[in-house]
Amino acid sequence: MIVNNQIKRVMKNGECFGEIALLYHAKRSASIRAKENVRLWGIDRVTFRKAVEEMAAKEYAENRAFIKNIELFRNFNCYFHENS
């Protein structure tokens, strides 16, 4: 990964880049230059954001289910508990 013409990071197989630009519609902050032949795949902003939103919703649901099973929180009268 190159920032301001300086190598900042050497990426390994399976690593990714560009997620900040996809999430926040930001300009790219680095360039990537391959030292050898590579395989890349790309994803458009809408599809990436939808995937991130789905993962966040799943994680929220898992965390919510976990918290509901903790004795300490069972008697709390809060919005979280009332709308489950």
Protein backbone atom coordinates (compact mmCIF):
# COMPACT_ATOMS: atom_id res chain seq x y z
CA MET A 1 0.00 0.00 0.00
CA ILE A 2 1.49 3.31 -1.04
CA VAL A 3 0.64 6.67 0.56
CA ASN A 4 2.35 9.85 -0.65
CA ASN A 5 4.79 7.75 -2.70
CA GLN A 6 5.93 5.84 0.39
CA ILE A 7 5.30 2.15 1.01
CA LYS A 8 3.17 1.97 4.15
CA ARG A 9 2.15 -1.67 4.13
CA VAL A 10 2.78 -4.85 2.21
CA MET A 11 -0.46 -6.76 1.84
CA LYS A 12 -0.76 -10.52 2.05
CA ASN A 13 -3.03 -13.04 0.40
CA GLY A 14 -6.65 -12.56 1.49
CA GLU A 15 -6.31 -8.98 2.72
CA CYS A 16 -8.59 -6.25 1.42
CA PHE A 17 -8.57 -2.52 0.91
CA GLY A 18 -10.95 0.26 -0.08
CA GLU A 19 -13.65 -0.34 2.52
CA ILE A 20 -13.50 3.23 3.88
CA ALA A 21 -14.18 4.67 0.43
CA LEU A 22 -17.06 2.22 -0.05
CA LEU A 23 -18.65 2.97 3.32
CA TYR A 24 -18.26 6.73 3.40
CA HIS A 25 -18.05 7.71 -0.28
CA ALA A 26 -14.56 9.01 0.46
CA LYS A 27 -11.74 9.54 -1.98
CA ARG A 28 -9.11 6.85 -1.96
CA SER A 29 -6.29 7.55 0.46
CA ALA A 30 -3.74 5.09 -0.90
CA SER A 31 -2.64 3.29 -4.04
CA ILE A 32 -2.02 -0.39 -4.47
CA ARG A 33 0.71 -1.68 -6.75
CA ALA A 34 1.20 -5.40 -7.28
CA LYS A 35 4.75 -6.78 -7.17
CA GLU A 36 3.63 -9.93 -9.00
CA ASN A 37 0.57 -11.29 -10.78
CA VAL A 38 -2.49 -11.19 -8.54
CA ARG A 39 -6.19 -12.01 -8.61
CA LEU A 40 -8.55 -9.28 -7.50
CA TRP A 41 -12.26 -9.01 -7.15
CA GLY A 42 -14.30 -5.87 -6.78
CA ILE A 43 -17.65 -4.92 -5.33
CA ASP A 44 -19.84 -1.89 -5.89
CA ARG A 45 -20.72 0.51 -3.08
CA VAL A 46 -24.41 -0.44 -2.83
CA THR A 47 -23.72 -4.17 -2.56
CA PHE A 48 -20.90 -3.64 -0.04
CA ARG A 49 -22.99 -1.38 2.18
CA LYS A 50 -25.91 -3.81 2.07
CA ALA A 51 -23.61 -6.67 3.13
CA VAL A 52 -22.19 -4.60 6.01
CA GLU A 53 -25.69 -3.60 7.15
CA GLU A 54 -26.83 -7.23 7.10
CA MET A 55 -23.80 -8.33 9.13
CA ALA A 56 -24.39 -5.52 11.65
CA ALA A 57 -28.07 -6.47 12.01
CA LYS A 58 -27.16 -10.12 12.57
CA GLU A 59 -24.53 -9.18 15.16
CA TYR A 60 -27.03 -6.90 16.93
CA ALA A 61 -29.61 -9.70 17.08
CA GLU A 62 -27.02 -12.13 18.44
CA ASN A 63 -25.89 -9.64 21.10
CA ARG A 64 -29.47 -8.86 22.05
CA ALA A 65 -30.29 -12.55 22.47
CA PHE A 66 -27.17 -13.02 24.60
CA ILE A 67 -28.02 -10.09 26.88
CA LYS A 68 -31.61 -11.29 27.31
CA ASN A 69 -30.22 -14.52 28.79
CA ILE A 70 -28.17 -12.77 31.48
CA GLU A 71 -29.98 -12.84 34.82
CA LEU A 72 -28.81 -9.34 35.79
CA PHE A 73 -30.64 -7.76 32.83
CA ARG A 74 -33.89 -9.76 32.98
CA ASN A 75 -35.62 -7.40 35.40
CA PHE A 76 -34.65 -4.14 33.74
CA ASN A 77 -37.66 -2.27 32.39
CA CYS A 78 -36.20 -0.57 29.34
CA TYR A 79 -37.02 -0.01 25.69
CA PHE A 80 -34.71 -2.85 24.70
CA HIS A 81 -36.56 -5.34 26.87
CA GLU A 82 -40.09 -4.09 26.17
CA ASN A 83 -39.77 -4.34 22.39
CA SER A 84 -38.15 -7.74 22.08
